[in-house]
PDB file of N, CA and C in Angstrom:
ATOM      1  N   UNK A   1     -35.234 210.427 -38.660  1.00  0.00           N
ATOM      2  CA  UNK A   1     -33.964 210.588 -38.791  1.00  0.00           C
ATOM      3  C   UNK A   1     -33.044 208.869 -39.187  1.00  0.00           C
ATOM      4  N   UNK A   2     -33.842 208.312 -39.790  1.00  0.00           N
ATOM      5  CA  UNK A   2     -32.649 207.329 -40.372  1.00  0.00           C
ATOM      6  C   UNK A   2     -31.945 207.980 -41.562  1.00  0.00           C
ATOM      7  N   UNK A   3     -32.389 208.890 -42.070  1.00  0.00           N
ATOM      8  CA  UNK A   3     -32.280 209.161 -43.601  1.00  0.00           C
ATOM      9  C   UNK A   3     -30.979 210.290 -42.862  1.00  0.00           C
ATOM     10  N   UNK A   4     -30.715 210.822 -42.322  1.00  0.00           N
ATOM     11  CA  UNK A   4     -29.875 211.588 -41.167  1.00  0.00           C
ATOM     12  C   UNK A   4     -28.568 210.396 -41.482  1.00  0.00           C
ATOM     13  N   UNK A   5     -29.219 209.444 -41.007  1.00  0.00           N
ATOM     14  CA  UNK A   5     -28.007 208.346 -39.870  1.00  0.00           C
ATOM     15  C   UNK A   5     -27.240 207.633 -41.428  1.00  0.00           C
ATOM     16  N   UNK A   6     -28.600 207.518 -42.294  1.00  0.00           N
ATOM     17  CA  UNK A   6     -27.766 207.016 -43.807  1.00  0.00           C
ATOM     18  C   UNK A   6     -26.977 208.373 -44.497  1.00  0.00           C
ATOM     19  N   UNK A   7     -27.056 209.284 -44.213  1.00  0.00           N
ATOM     20  CA  UNK A   7     -26.056 210.554 -45.032  1.00  0.00           C
ATOM     21  C   UNK A   7     -24.983 210.631 -44.024  1.00  0.00           C
ATOM     22  N   UNK A   8     -24.945 209.926 -42.683  1.00  0.00           N
ATOM     23  CA  UNK A   8     -23.721 210.275 -41.963  1.00  0.00           C
ATOM     24  C   UNK A   8     -22.823 209.324 -42.059  1.00  0.00           C
ATOM     25  N   UNK A   9     -23.546 208.205 -42.420  1.00  0.00           N
ATOM     26  CA  UNK A   9     -22.701 206.881 -42.921  1.00  0.00           C
ATOM     27  C   UNK A   9     -22.293 206.680 -44.228  1.00  0.00           C
ATOM     28  N   UNK A  10     -22.716 207.163 -45.092  1.00  0.00           N
ATOM     29  CA  UNK A  10     -22.006 207.542 -46.381  1.00  0.00           C
ATOM     30  C   UNK A  10     -20.855 208.826 -46.353  1.00  0.00           C
ATOM     31  N   UNK A  11     -20.971 209.694 -45.656  1.00  0.00           N
ATOM     32  CA  UNK A  11     -20.199 210.980 -46.117  1.00  0.00           C
ATOM     33  C   UNK A  11     -19.003 210.505 -45.354  1.00  0.00           C
ATOM     34  N   UNK A  12     -18.963 209.136 -44.108  1.00  0.00           N
ATOM     35  CA  UNK A  12     -18.099 208.748 -43.748  1.00  0.00           C
ATOM     36  C   UNK A  12     -17.326 207.499 -44.600  1.00  0.00           C
ATOM     37  N   UNK A  13     -17.752 207.108 -45.632  1.00  0.00           N
ATOM     38  CA  UNK A  13     -17.377 206.294 -46.362  1.00  0.00           C
ATOM     39  C   UNK A  13     -16.639 206.984 -47.321  1.00  0.00           C
ATOM     40  N   UNK A  14     -17.180 208.213 -47.748  1.00  0.00           N
ATOM     41  CA  UNK A  14     -16.981 209.368 -48.733  1.00  0.00           C
ATOM     42  C   UNK A  14     -15.507 209.024 -48.125  1.00  0.00           C
ATOM     43  N   UNK A  15     -15.653 209.663 -47.185  1.00  0.00           N
ATOM     44  CA  UNK A  15     -14.450 210.467 -46.768  1.00  0.00           C
ATOM     45  C   UNK A  15     -12.872 209.313 -46.494  1.00  0.00           C
ATOM     46  N   UNK A  16     -13.228 208.545 -45.918  1.00  0.00           N
ATOM     47  CA  UNK A  16     -12.355 206.957 -46.308  1.00  0.00           C
ATOM     48  C   UNK A  16     -11.703 206.833 -47.553  1.00  0.00           C
ATOM     49  N   UNK A  17     -13.209 206.753 -48.385  1.00  0.00           N
ATOM     50  CA  UNK A  17     -12.463 206.979 -49.628  1.00  0.00           C
ATOM     51  C   UNK A  17     -11.939 207.991 -50.469  1.00  0.00           C
ATOM     52  N   UNK A  18     -11.966 208.616 -50.313  1.00  0.00           N
ATOM     53  CA  UNK A  18     -11.363 210.382 -50.786  1.00  0.00           C
ATOM     54  C   UNK A  18     -10.065 210.119 -50.273  1.00  0.00           C
ATOM     55  N   UNK A  19      -9.578 209.907 -48.991  1.00  0.00           N
ATOM     56  CA  UNK A  19      -8.557 209.501 -48.865  1.00  0.00           C
ATOM     57  C   UNK A  19      -7.956 208.482 -49.178  1.00  0.00           C
ATOM     58  N   UNK A  20      -8.044 207.662 -49.388  1.00  0.00           N
ATOM     59  CA  UNK A  20      -7.430 206.671 -50.372  1.00  0.00           C
ATOM     60  C   UNK A  20      -7.060 207.049 -51.987  1.00  0.00           C
ATOM     61  N   UNK A  21      -7.863 207.723 -52.170  1.00  0.00           N
ATOM     62  CA  UNK A  21      -7.421 208.290 -53.856  1.00  0.00           C
ATOM     63  C   UNK A  21      -6.617 209.416 -54.029  1.00  0.00           C
ATOM     64  N   UNK A  22      -6.627 210.013 -52.789  1.00  0.00           N
ATOM     65  CA  UNK A  22      -5.716 211.438 -52.641  1.00  0.00           C
ATOM     66  C   UNK A  22      -3.939 210.770 -52.418  1.00  0.00           C
ATOM     67  N   UNK A  23      -4.626 209.777 -51.354  1.00  0.00           N
ATOM     68  CA  UNK A  23      -3.070 209.360 -50.917  1.00  0.00           C
ATOM     69  C   UNK A  23      -2.505 208.193 -51.974  1.00  0.00           C
ATOM     70  N   UNK A  24      -3.154 207.739 -52.660  1.00  0.00           N
ATOM     71  CA  UNK A  24      -3.084 206.481 -53.236  1.00  0.00           C
ATOM     72  C   UNK A  24      -3.054 206.385 -54.766  1.00  0.00           C
ATOM     73  N   UNK A  25      -3.862 207.117 -55.042  1.00  0.00           N
ATOM     74  CA  UNK A  25      -4.664 206.911 -56.664  1.00  0.00           C
ATOM     75  C   UNK A  25      -5.503 206.100 -56.752  1.00  0.00           C
ATOM     76  N   UNK A  26      -6.070 206.024 -55.890  1.00  0.00           N
ATOM     77  CA  UNK A  26      -7.031 204.064 -56.090  1.00  0.00           C
ATOM     78  C   UNK A  26      -7.982 204.546 -56.538  1.00  0.00           C
ATOM     79  N   UNK A  27      -8.410 203.690 -57.492  1.00  0.00           N
ATOM     80  CA  UNK A  27      -9.336 203.985 -58.874  1.00  0.00           C
ATOM     81  C   UNK A  27     -10.925 203.994 -58.280  1.00  0.00           C
ATOM     82  N   UNK A  28     -10.805 202.687 -57.661  1.00  0.00           N
ATOM     83  CA  UNK A  28     -11.933 201.745 -56.726  1.00  0.00           C
ATOM     84  C   UNK A  28     -12.244 203.122 -56.286  1.00  0.00           C
ATOM     85  N   UNK A  29     -11.295 203.278 -54.986  1.00  0.00           N
ATOM     86  CA  UNK A  29     -12.023 204.779 -54.303  1.00  0.00           C
ATOM     87  C   UNK A  29     -12.897 205.426 -54.580  1.00  0.00           C
ATOM     88  N   UNK A  30     -12.313 205.695 -55.808  1.00  0.00           N
ATOM     89  CA  UNK A  30     -13.176 206.926 -56.492  1.00  0.00           C
ATOM     90  C   UNK A  30     -14.297 206.269 -56.947  1.00  0.00           C
ATOM     91  N   UNK A  31     -14.245 205.145 -57.744  1.00  0.00           N
ATOM     92  CA  UNK A  31     -15.647 205.166 -58.214  1.00  0.00           C
ATOM     93  C   UNK A  31     -16.830 204.899 -57.182  1.00  0.00           C
ATOM     94  N   UNK A  32     -16.368 204.240 -56.366  1.00  0.00           N
ATOM     95  CA  UNK A  32     -17.181 204.575 -54.318  1.00  0.00           C
ATOM     96  C   UNK A  32     -17.545 205.156 -53.807  1.00  0.00           C
ATOM     97  N   UNK A  33     -16.582 206.378 -53.318  1.00  0.00           N
ATOM     98  CA  UNK A  33     -16.883 207.912 -53.181  1.00  0.00           C
ATOM     99  C   UNK A  33     -18.128 208.538 -54.046  1.00  0.00           C
ATOM    100  N   UNK A  34     -17.418 208.657 -56.121  1.00  0.00           N
ATOM    101  CA  UNK A  34     -18.894 208.598 -56.337  1.00  0.00           C
ATOM    102  C   UNK A  34     -20.023 208.373 -56.015  1.00  0.00           C
ATOM    103  N   UNK A  35     -19.729 207.094 -56.444  1.00  0.00           N
ATOM    104  CA  UNK A  35     -21.482 206.505 -56.382  1.00  0.00           C
ATOM    105  C   UNK A  35     -22.116 206.631 -54.888  1.00  0.00           C
ATOM    106  N   UNK A  36     -21.297 207.060 -53.198  1.00  0.00           N
ATOM    107  CA  UNK A  36     -22.105 207.448 -52.337  1.00  0.00           C
ATOM    108  C   UNK A  36     -22.426 208.710 -52.297  1.00  0.00           C
ATOM    109  N   UNK A  37     -21.519 209.270 -53.256  1.00  0.00           N
ATOM    110  CA  UNK A  37     -22.009 210.946 -53.087  1.00  0.00           C
ATOM    111  C   UNK A  37     -23.273 210.999 -53.939  1.00  0.00           C
ATOM    112  N   UNK A  38     -23.394 210.131 -54.645  1.00  0.00           N
ATOM    113  CA  UNK A  38     -24.702 210.235 -55.668  1.00  0.00           C
ATOM    114  C   UNK A  38     -25.718 210.169 -54.854  1.00  0.00           C
ATOM    115  N   UNK A  39     -25.628 208.848 -54.158  1.00  0.00           N
ATOM    116  CA  UNK A  39     -26.427 208.279 -53.338  1.00  0.00           C
ATOM    117  C   UNK A  39     -26.987 209.343 -52.262  1.00  0.00           C
ATOM    118  N   UNK A  40     -25.742 210.327 -51.457  1.00  0.00           N
ATOM    119  CA  UNK A  40     -26.296 211.212 -50.876  1.00  0.00           C
ATOM    120  C   UNK A  40     -27.159 212.116 -51.425  1.00  0.00           C
ATOM    121  N   UNK A  41     -27.012 212.358 -52.850  1.00  0.00           N
ATOM    122  CA  UNK A  41     -27.691 213.582 -53.727  1.00  0.00           C
ATOM    123  C   UNK A  41     -29.039 212.927 -53.413  1.00  0.00           C
ATOM    124  N   UNK A  42     -29.045 211.538 -53.352  1.00  0.00           N
ATOM    125  CA  UNK A  42     -30.574 211.093 -53.744  1.00  0.00           C
ATOM    126  C   UNK A  42     -32.081 211.326 -52.508  1.00  0.00           C
ATOM    127  N   UNK A  43     -30.697 211.088 -51.246  1.00  0.00           N
ATOM    128  CA  UNK A  43     -31.155 211.516 -50.241  1.00  0.00           C
ATOM    129  C   UNK A  43     -31.666 212.611 -49.156  1.00  0.00           C
ATOM    130  N   UNK A  44     -31.115 213.797 -49.706  1.00  0.00           N
ATOM    131  CA  UNK A  44     -31.146 215.217 -49.131  1.00  0.00           C
ATOM    132  C   UNK A  44     -32.434 215.973 -49.631  1.00  0.00           C
ATOM    133  N   UNK A  45     -33.456 215.263 -50.581  1.00  0.00           N
ATOM    134  CA  UNK A  45     -34.344 215.770 -50.797  1.00  0.00           C
ATOM    135  C   UNK A  45     -35.812 215.028 -50.038  1.00  0.00           C
ATOM    136  N   UNK A  46     -35.143 213.920 -49.518  1.00  0.00           N
ATOM    137  CA  UNK A  46     -36.016 213.235 -48.410  1.00  0.00           C
ATOM    138  C   UNK A  46     -35.884 214.037 -47.080  1.00  0.00           C
ATOM    139  N   UNK A  47     -34.210 214.378 -46.636  1.00  0.00           N
ATOM    140  CA  UNK A  47     -34.176 214.892 -45.638  1.00  0.00           C
ATOM    141  C   UNK A  47     -35.199 215.817 -45.662  1.00  0.00           C
ATOM    142  N   UNK A  48     -35.020 216.730 -46.518  1.00  0.00           N
ATOM    143  CA  UNK A  48     -35.626 218.146 -46.485  1.00  0.00           C
ATOM    144  C   UNK A  48     -36.956 218.230 -46.187  1.00  0.00           C
ATOM    145  N   UNK A  49     -37.072 217.309 -46.721  1.00  0.00           N
ATOM    146  CA  UNK A  49     -38.964 216.783 -46.647  1.00  0.00           C
ATOM    147  C   UNK A  49     -39.649 216.945 -45.426  1.00  0.00           C
ATOM    148  N   UNK A  50     -38.597 215.795 -44.355  1.00  0.00           N
ATOM    149  CA  UNK A  50     -38.814 215.158 -43.355  1.00  0.00           C
ATOM    150  C   UNK A  50     -38.793 216.507 -42.055  1.00  0.00           C
ATOM    151  N   UNK A  51     -38.061 217.267 -42.485  1.00  0.00           N
ATOM    152  CA  UNK A  51     -37.333 218.492 -41.831  1.00  0.00           C
ATOM    153  C   UNK A  51     -38.216 219.789 -41.641  1.00  0.00           C
ATOM    154  N   UNK A  52     -39.141 219.707 -42.704  1.00  0.00           N
ATOM    155  CA  UNK A  52     -40.362 220.854 -43.139  1.00  0.00           C
ATOM    156  C   UNK A  52     -41.446 220.029 -43.024  1.00  0.00           C
ATOM    157  N   UNK A  53     -41.715 219.141 -42.611  1.00  0.00           N
ATOM    158  CA  UNK A  53     -43.235 218.100 -42.326  1.00  0.00           C
ATOM    159  C   UNK A  53     -42.795 217.708 -40.947  1.00  0.00           C
ATOM    160  N   UNK A  54     -41.337 217.517 -39.914  1.00  0.00           N
ATOM    161  CA  UNK A  54     -41.441 218.105 -38.696  1.00  0.00           C
ATOM    162  C   UNK A  54     -41.749 219.478 -38.063  1.00  0.00           C
ATOM    163  N   UNK A  55     -41.304 220.544 -38.744  1.00  0.00           N
ATOM    164  CA  UNK A  55     -41.261 221.353 -38.409  1.00  0.00           C
ATOM    165  C   UNK A  55     -43.021 222.085 -38.395  1.00  0.00           C
ATOM    166  N   UNK A  56     -43.368 221.901 -39.471  1.00  0.00           N
ATOM    167  CA  UNK A  56     -44.867 221.706 -39.649  1.00  0.00           C
ATOM    168  C   UNK A  56     -45.623 221.285 -38.385  1.00  0.00           C
ATOM    169  N   UNK A  57     -45.211 220.046 -38.025  1.00  0.00           N
ATOM    170  CA  UNK A  57     -45.885 219.257 -36.885  1.00  0.00           C
ATOM    171  C   UNK A  57     -45.909 220.213 -35.757  1.00  0.00           C
ATOM    172  N   UNK A  58     -44.824 220.900 -35.431  1.00  0.00           N
ATOM    173  CA  UNK A  58     -44.157 221.720 -34.084  1.00  0.00           C
ATOM    174  C   UNK A  58     -44.930 222.406 -34.289  1.00  0.00           C
ATOM    175  N   UNK A  59     -44.927 223.574 -35.782  1.00  0.00           N
ATOM    176  CA  UNK A  59     -46.082 224.687 -35.729  1.00  0.00           C
ATOM    177  C   UNK A  59     -47.302 224.665 -35.296  1.00  0.00           C
ATOM    178  N   UNK A  60     -47.960 223.108 -35.464  1.00  0.00           N
ATOM    179  CA  UNK A  60     -49.547 223.377 -35.417  1.00  0.00           C
ATOM    180  C   UNK A  60     -49.706 222.915 -33.934  1.00  0.00           C
ATOM    181  N   UNK A  61     -48.729 222.278 -32.718  1.00  0.00           N
ATOM    182  CA  UNK A  61     -48.410 222.238 -31.710  1.00  0.00           C
ATOM    183  C   UNK A  61     -48.717 223.697 -30.898  1.00  0.00           C
ATOM    184  N   UNK A  62     -47.556 224.713 -31.425  1.00  0.00           N
ATOM    185  CA  UNK A  62     -47.443 225.526 -30.576  1.00  0.00           C
ATOM    186  C   UNK A  62     -48.540 226.427 -30.558  1.00  0.00           C
ATOM    187  N   UNK A  63     -49.296 226.185 -31.805  1.00  0.00           N
ATOM    188  CA  UNK A  63     -50.742 227.122 -32.004  1.00  0.00           C
ATOM    189  C   UNK A  63     -51.608 227.027 -31.156  1.00  0.00           C
ATOM    190  N   UNK A  64     -51.438 225.827 -30.849  1.00  0.00           N
ATOM    191  CA  UNK A  64     -52.257 225.369 -29.747  1.00  0.00           C
ATOM    192  C   UNK A  64     -52.672 226.445 -28.782  1.00  0.00           C
TER     193      UNK A  64
END
């Protein structure tokens, strides 16, 4: 769940920075938003693996 919380936090930061980009053309906000988007990209495989592992745990307990 920590990974999901981190992704949510990064999405919120991207939202704020993207607003600054489109409203004011803030170049620094563009850099921050792109950096955070890249970090999300690296976290997604980890989240996918965690979800799959969790599903496998539940499948084995349900099969008993």
